């Protein structure tokens, strides 16, 4: 029996992103090409304005490309409408934002359950939400609202939420950028431990060389292009 063909977790070809201003066009990304094998941890690095966060937003389907192709787990996402993108993200993608992006009117547990609510499966996965909160050390804070949590605790809730549906791909945009050194180190260890346990592909944007040093691979960007790609 033939082995199944394994798609890259992420496949990017000739990716361009431009923005038209009143007087001219600004090219933010200029012909990006790379693959991310399943299970790899990739750190995307670069100075402010290099295009790294724009790239991550495009990979997650949070913005539209000007030209090029993006496939997540073998599925083309460019050209999908918002409803189709939302369904694809629910099946394939978890996302951790620098600014946590918790819903202030929901408790920690309700925030973690949110992806399952949107997918219509919340009734059967309450135990997983509580397990994930326990894994990030917040079992006793599950009924607290974001305003009652520290920044580090809010990012740990966001981590648990990102893993709620066991997505094959996890993306993170400066996940420790708003945290002090101690909290940042704690959140990073939780992220990497959970990522190994779940077997997820991790694509992470960071300007922190210590964080990037933990990755299997580092992609450096400058002025909208990849200038180095090293394992």
Protein backbone atom coordinates (compact mmCIF):
# COMPACT_ATOMS: atom_id res chain seq x y z
CA UNK A 1 0.00 0.00 0.00
CA UNK A 2 1.45 3.38 -1.02
CA UNK A 3 2.28 5.88 1.67
CA UNK A 4 -0.03 8.91 1.69
CA UNK A 5 1.38 12.12 0.22
CA UNK A 6 2.19 14.56 3.01
CA UNK A 7 1.55 18.18 2.13
CA UNK A 8 3.68 20.88 3.70
CA UNK A 9 1.82 22.47 6.59
CA UNK A 10 2.38 25.85 4.89
CA UNK A 11 3.25 26.44 1.23
CA UNK A 12 3.88 29.98 -0.07
CA UNK A 13 4.61 30.86 -3.70
CA UNK A 14 5.38 34.28 -5.26
CA UNK A 15 3.56 36.11 -2.48
CA UNK A 16 3.14 39.85 -2.96
CA UNK A 17 1.34 42.44 -0.85
CA UNK A 18 1.01 46.06 -1.95
CA UNK A 19 -0.98 49.00 -0.61
CA UNK A 20 -2.03 51.93 -2.77
CA UNK A 21 -1.68 55.39 -1.23
CA UNK A 22 -2.94 58.67 -2.68
CA UNK A 23 0.29 59.16 -4.59
CA UNK A 24 1.98 55.79 -5.09
CA UNK A 25 1.97 52.05 -4.34
CA UNK A 26 3.87 50.64 -1.35
CA UNK A 27 5.22 47.11 -1.82
CA UNK A 28 5.20 45.43 1.60
CA UNK A 29 5.99 41.88 0.44
CA UNK A 30 7.87 41.21 -2.78
CA UNK A 31 7.87 37.62 -4.00
CA UNK A 32 7.98 35.42 -0.88
CA UNK A 33 8.54 31.66 -1.38
CA UNK A 34 8.92 28.96 1.28
CA UNK A 35 7.48 25.69 2.61
CA UNK A 36 7.05 24.67 6.24
CA UNK A 37 7.04 20.88 6.76
CA UNK A 38 4.50 19.44 9.15
CA UNK A 39 5.63 19.61 12.78
CA UNK A 40 8.37 22.20 12.24
CA UNK A 41 8.86 25.25 14.50
CA UNK A 42 9.76 28.26 12.34
CA UNK A 43 10.66 31.71 13.66
CA UNK A 44 10.19 34.63 11.25
CA UNK A 45 12.49 37.51 12.18
CA UNK A 46 13.20 41.01 10.98
CA UNK A 47 13.26 44.65 11.99
CA UNK A 48 10.10 46.70 12.32
CA UNK A 49 8.75 47.30 8.83
CA UNK A 50 10.39 44.21 7.32
CA UNK A 51 7.01 42.68 6.50
CA UNK A 52 7.04 39.79 8.98
CA UNK A 53 3.74 40.58 10.72
CA UNK A 54 2.07 41.32 7.38
CA UNK A 55 3.25 37.91 6.17
CA UNK A 56 1.82 36.18 9.24
CA UNK A 57 -1.51 37.94 8.78
CA UNK A 58 -1.68 36.74 5.19
CA UNK A 59 -0.79 33.17 6.19
CA UNK A 60 -3.64 33.21 8.71
CA UNK A 61 -6.10 34.60 6.17
CA UNK A 62 -6.54 37.78 8.20
CA UNK A 63 -5.62 39.93 5.19
CA UNK A 64 -5.83 39.51 1.41
CA UNK A 65 -2.84 38.95 -0.87
CA UNK A 66 -2.11 41.15 -3.88
CA UNK A 67 -0.64 38.25 -5.84
CA UNK A 68 0.59 34.74 -5.16
CA UNK A 69 -0.46 31.51 -3.49
CA UNK A 70 -0.81 30.32 0.11
CA UNK A 71 -1.73 26.75 1.02
CA UNK A 72 -2.45 25.58 4.57
CA UNK A 73 -2.23 21.81 4.98
CA UNK A 74 -2.73 21.37 1.24
CA UNK A 75 -5.68 23.76 0.88
CA UNK A 76 -5.42 26.99 -1.11
CA UNK A 77 -6.67 29.95 0.96
CA UNK A 78 -6.19 32.83 -1.47
CA UNK A 79 -9.49 33.69 -3.09
CA UNK A 80 -11.67 32.20 -0.35
CA UNK A 81 -14.51 34.35 0.94
CA UNK A 82 -14.68 35.28 4.63
CA UNK A 83 -17.10 32.47 5.55
CA UNK A 84 -14.90 29.84 3.89
CA UNK A 85 -11.79 31.31 5.53
CA UNK A 86 -13.46 31.20 8.94
CA UNK A 87 -14.32 27.52 8.47
CA UNK A 88 -10.78 26.72 7.33
CA UNK A 89 -9.26 28.58 10.29
CA UNK A 90 -11.53 26.69 12.66
CA UNK A 91 -10.29 23.36 11.27
CA UNK A 92 -6.62 24.06 10.72
CA UNK A 93 -5.35 27.09 12.61
CA UNK A 94 -4.75 28.44 16.08
CA UNK A 95 -3.48 32.00 16.54
CA UNK A 96 -1.80 33.75 19.48
CA UNK A 97 -1.74 37.56 19.35
CA UNK A 98 0.72 39.87 21.09
CA UNK A 99 -2.22 41.75 22.65
CA UNK A 100 -4.05 38.59 23.87
CA UNK A 101 -7.38 39.47 22.15
CA UNK A 102 -9.54 37.99 24.91
CA UNK A 103 -13.24 38.84 25.03
CA UNK A 104 -13.61 41.03 28.15
CA UNK A 105 -17.17 39.88 28.94
CA UNK A 106 -16.21 36.19 28.97
CA UNK A 107 -14.47 34.28 31.75
CA UNK A 108 -11.13 32.56 31.17
CA UNK A 109 -12.89 29.24 30.56
CA UNK A 110 -15.44 30.83 28.22
CA UNK A 111 -12.62 32.48 26.24
CA UNK A 112 -10.88 29.12 25.87
CA UNK A 113 -14.17 27.53 24.74
CA UNK A 114 -14.81 30.26 22.17
CA UNK A 115 -13.33 28.42 19.14
CA UNK A 116 -15.48 25.39 19.98
CA UNK A 117 -18.55 27.64 20.35
CA UNK A 118 -17.91 29.09 16.90
CA UNK A 119 -17.44 25.57 15.50
CA UNK A 120 -20.63 24.33 17.18
CA UNK A 121 -18.86 21.74 19.35
CA UNK A 122 -18.68 23.48 22.74
CA UNK A 123 -21.15 21.12 24.38
CA UNK A 124 -18.76 18.18 24.10
CA UNK A 125 -15.40 19.74 24.92
CA UNK A 126 -15.80 21.48 28.26
CA UNK A 127 -13.41 19.01 29.87
CA UNK A 128 -10.71 19.83 27.30
CA UNK A 129 -11.01 23.54 28.11
CA UNK A 130 -10.52 22.81 31.80
CA UNK A 131 -7.59 20.48 31.02
CA UNK A 132 -5.89 23.16 28.91
CA UNK A 133 -6.36 25.79 31.63
CA UNK A 134 -4.82 23.35 34.09
CA UNK A 135 -1.86 22.84 31.72
CA UNK A 136 -1.18 26.60 31.67
CA UNK A 137 -1.52 26.80 35.45
CA UNK A 138 -4.85 28.58 35.60
CA UNK A 139 -7.25 25.91 36.85
CA UNK A 140 -8.15 28.10 39.83
CA UNK A 141 -8.71 31.18 37.63
CA UNK A 142 -11.16 29.74 35.11
CA UNK A 143 -14.08 31.84 36.39
CA UNK A 144 -12.10 35.10 36.34
CA UNK A 145 -12.60 37.75 33.67
CA UNK A 146 -9.65 39.19 31.69
CA UNK A 147 -9.64 42.41 33.75
CA UNK A 148 -9.00 40.25 36.83
CA UNK A 149 -5.96 38.58 35.26
CA UNK A 150 -2.39 39.82 34.82
CA UNK A 151 -0.88 40.18 31.35
CA UNK A 152 0.96 36.89 31.72
CA UNK A 153 -2.21 35.13 32.83
CA UNK A 154 -4.18 36.60 29.92
CA UNK A 155 -1.57 35.32 27.45
CA UNK A 156 -1.75 31.88 29.06
CA UNK A 157 -5.54 31.90 28.53
CA UNK A 158 -4.88 32.89 24.91
CA UNK A 159 -2.48 29.93 24.56
CA UNK A 160 -5.09 27.53 25.90
CA UNK A 161 -7.67 28.99 23.50
CA UNK A 162 -5.31 28.57 20.52
CA UNK A 163 -4.95 24.84 21.26
CA UNK A 164 -8.67 24.32 22.00
CA UNK A 165 -9.53 22.57 18.72
CA UNK A 166 -6.13 20.82 18.41
CA UNK A 167 -5.26 22.68 15.20
CA UNK A 168 -2.52 21.21 12.97
CA UNK A 169 -0.98 24.69 12.57
CA UNK A 170 -0.36 27.34 15.22
CA UNK A 171 0.71 30.90 14.42
CA UNK A 172 1.93 33.43 16.98
CA UNK A 173 2.70 37.12 16.54
CA UNK A 174 5.22 38.32 19.16
CA UNK A 175 3.49 36.18 21.84
CA UNK A 176 5.81 37.43 24.60
CA UNK A 177 6.17 41.01 23.31
CA UNK A 178 3.89 42.59 25.94
CA UNK A 179 5.29 40.61 28.88
CA UNK A 180 8.17 41.16 31.26
CA UNK A 181 11.16 38.84 31.07
CA UNK A 182 9.97 36.33 33.68
CA UNK A 183 6.41 36.09 32.36
CA UNK A 184 7.67 35.99 28.77
CA UNK A 185 9.98 33.07 29.55
CA UNK A 186 7.14 31.22 31.31
CA UNK A 187 4.71 31.73 28.43
CA UNK A 188 7.36 30.62 25.92
CA UNK A 189 8.03 27.38 27.82
CA UNK A 190 4.29 26.67 28.01
CA UNK A 191 3.91 27.36 24.29
CA UNK A 192 6.78 25.06 23.32
CA UNK A 193 5.74 22.28 25.71
CA UNK A 194 2.13 22.35 24.50
CA UNK A 195 3.30 22.52 20.90
CA UNK A 196 5.46 19.40 21.33
CA UNK A 197 2.65 17.56 23.12
CA UNK A 198 0.08 18.39 20.43
CA UNK A 199 2.47 17.80 17.50
CA UNK A 200 1.58 21.16 15.97
CA UNK A 201 3.41 23.08 13.25
CA UNK A 202 4.42 26.42 14.79
CA UNK A 203 5.06 29.60 12.78
CA UNK A 204 6.09 32.44 15.09
CA UNK A 205 7.00 36.07 14.41
CA UNK A 206 9.50 37.58 16.82
CA UNK A 207 12.26 40.15 17.12
CA UNK A 208 13.71 38.29 20.14
CA UNK A 209 16.87 36.35 19.16
CA UNK A 210 16.69 34.21 22.31
CA UNK A 211 13.19 33.08 21.41
CA UNK A 212 14.18 32.49 17.77
CA UNK A 213 17.15 30.40 18.91
CA UNK A 214 14.68 27.79 20.20
CA UNK A 215 13.20 27.30 16.72
CA UNK A 216 14.05 24.49 14.29
CA UNK A 217 14.46 27.12 11.58
CA UNK A 218 14.85 30.89 11.31
CA UNK A 219 13.63 32.97 8.36
CA UNK A 220 15.01 36.52 8.30
CA UNK A 221 13.18 39.25 6.39
CA UNK A 222 14.21 42.71 5.26
CA UNK A 223 12.25 45.19 3.12
CA UNK A 224 9.61 42.64 2.16
CA UNK A 225 11.91 39.81 1.04
CA UNK A 226 13.54 36.79 2.70
CA UNK A 227 17.26 37.46 3.09
CA UNK A 228 18.17 34.21 4.90
CA UNK A 229 16.57 30.89 5.79
CA UNK A 230 18.58 28.71 8.15
CA UNK A 231 17.99 25.57 10.19
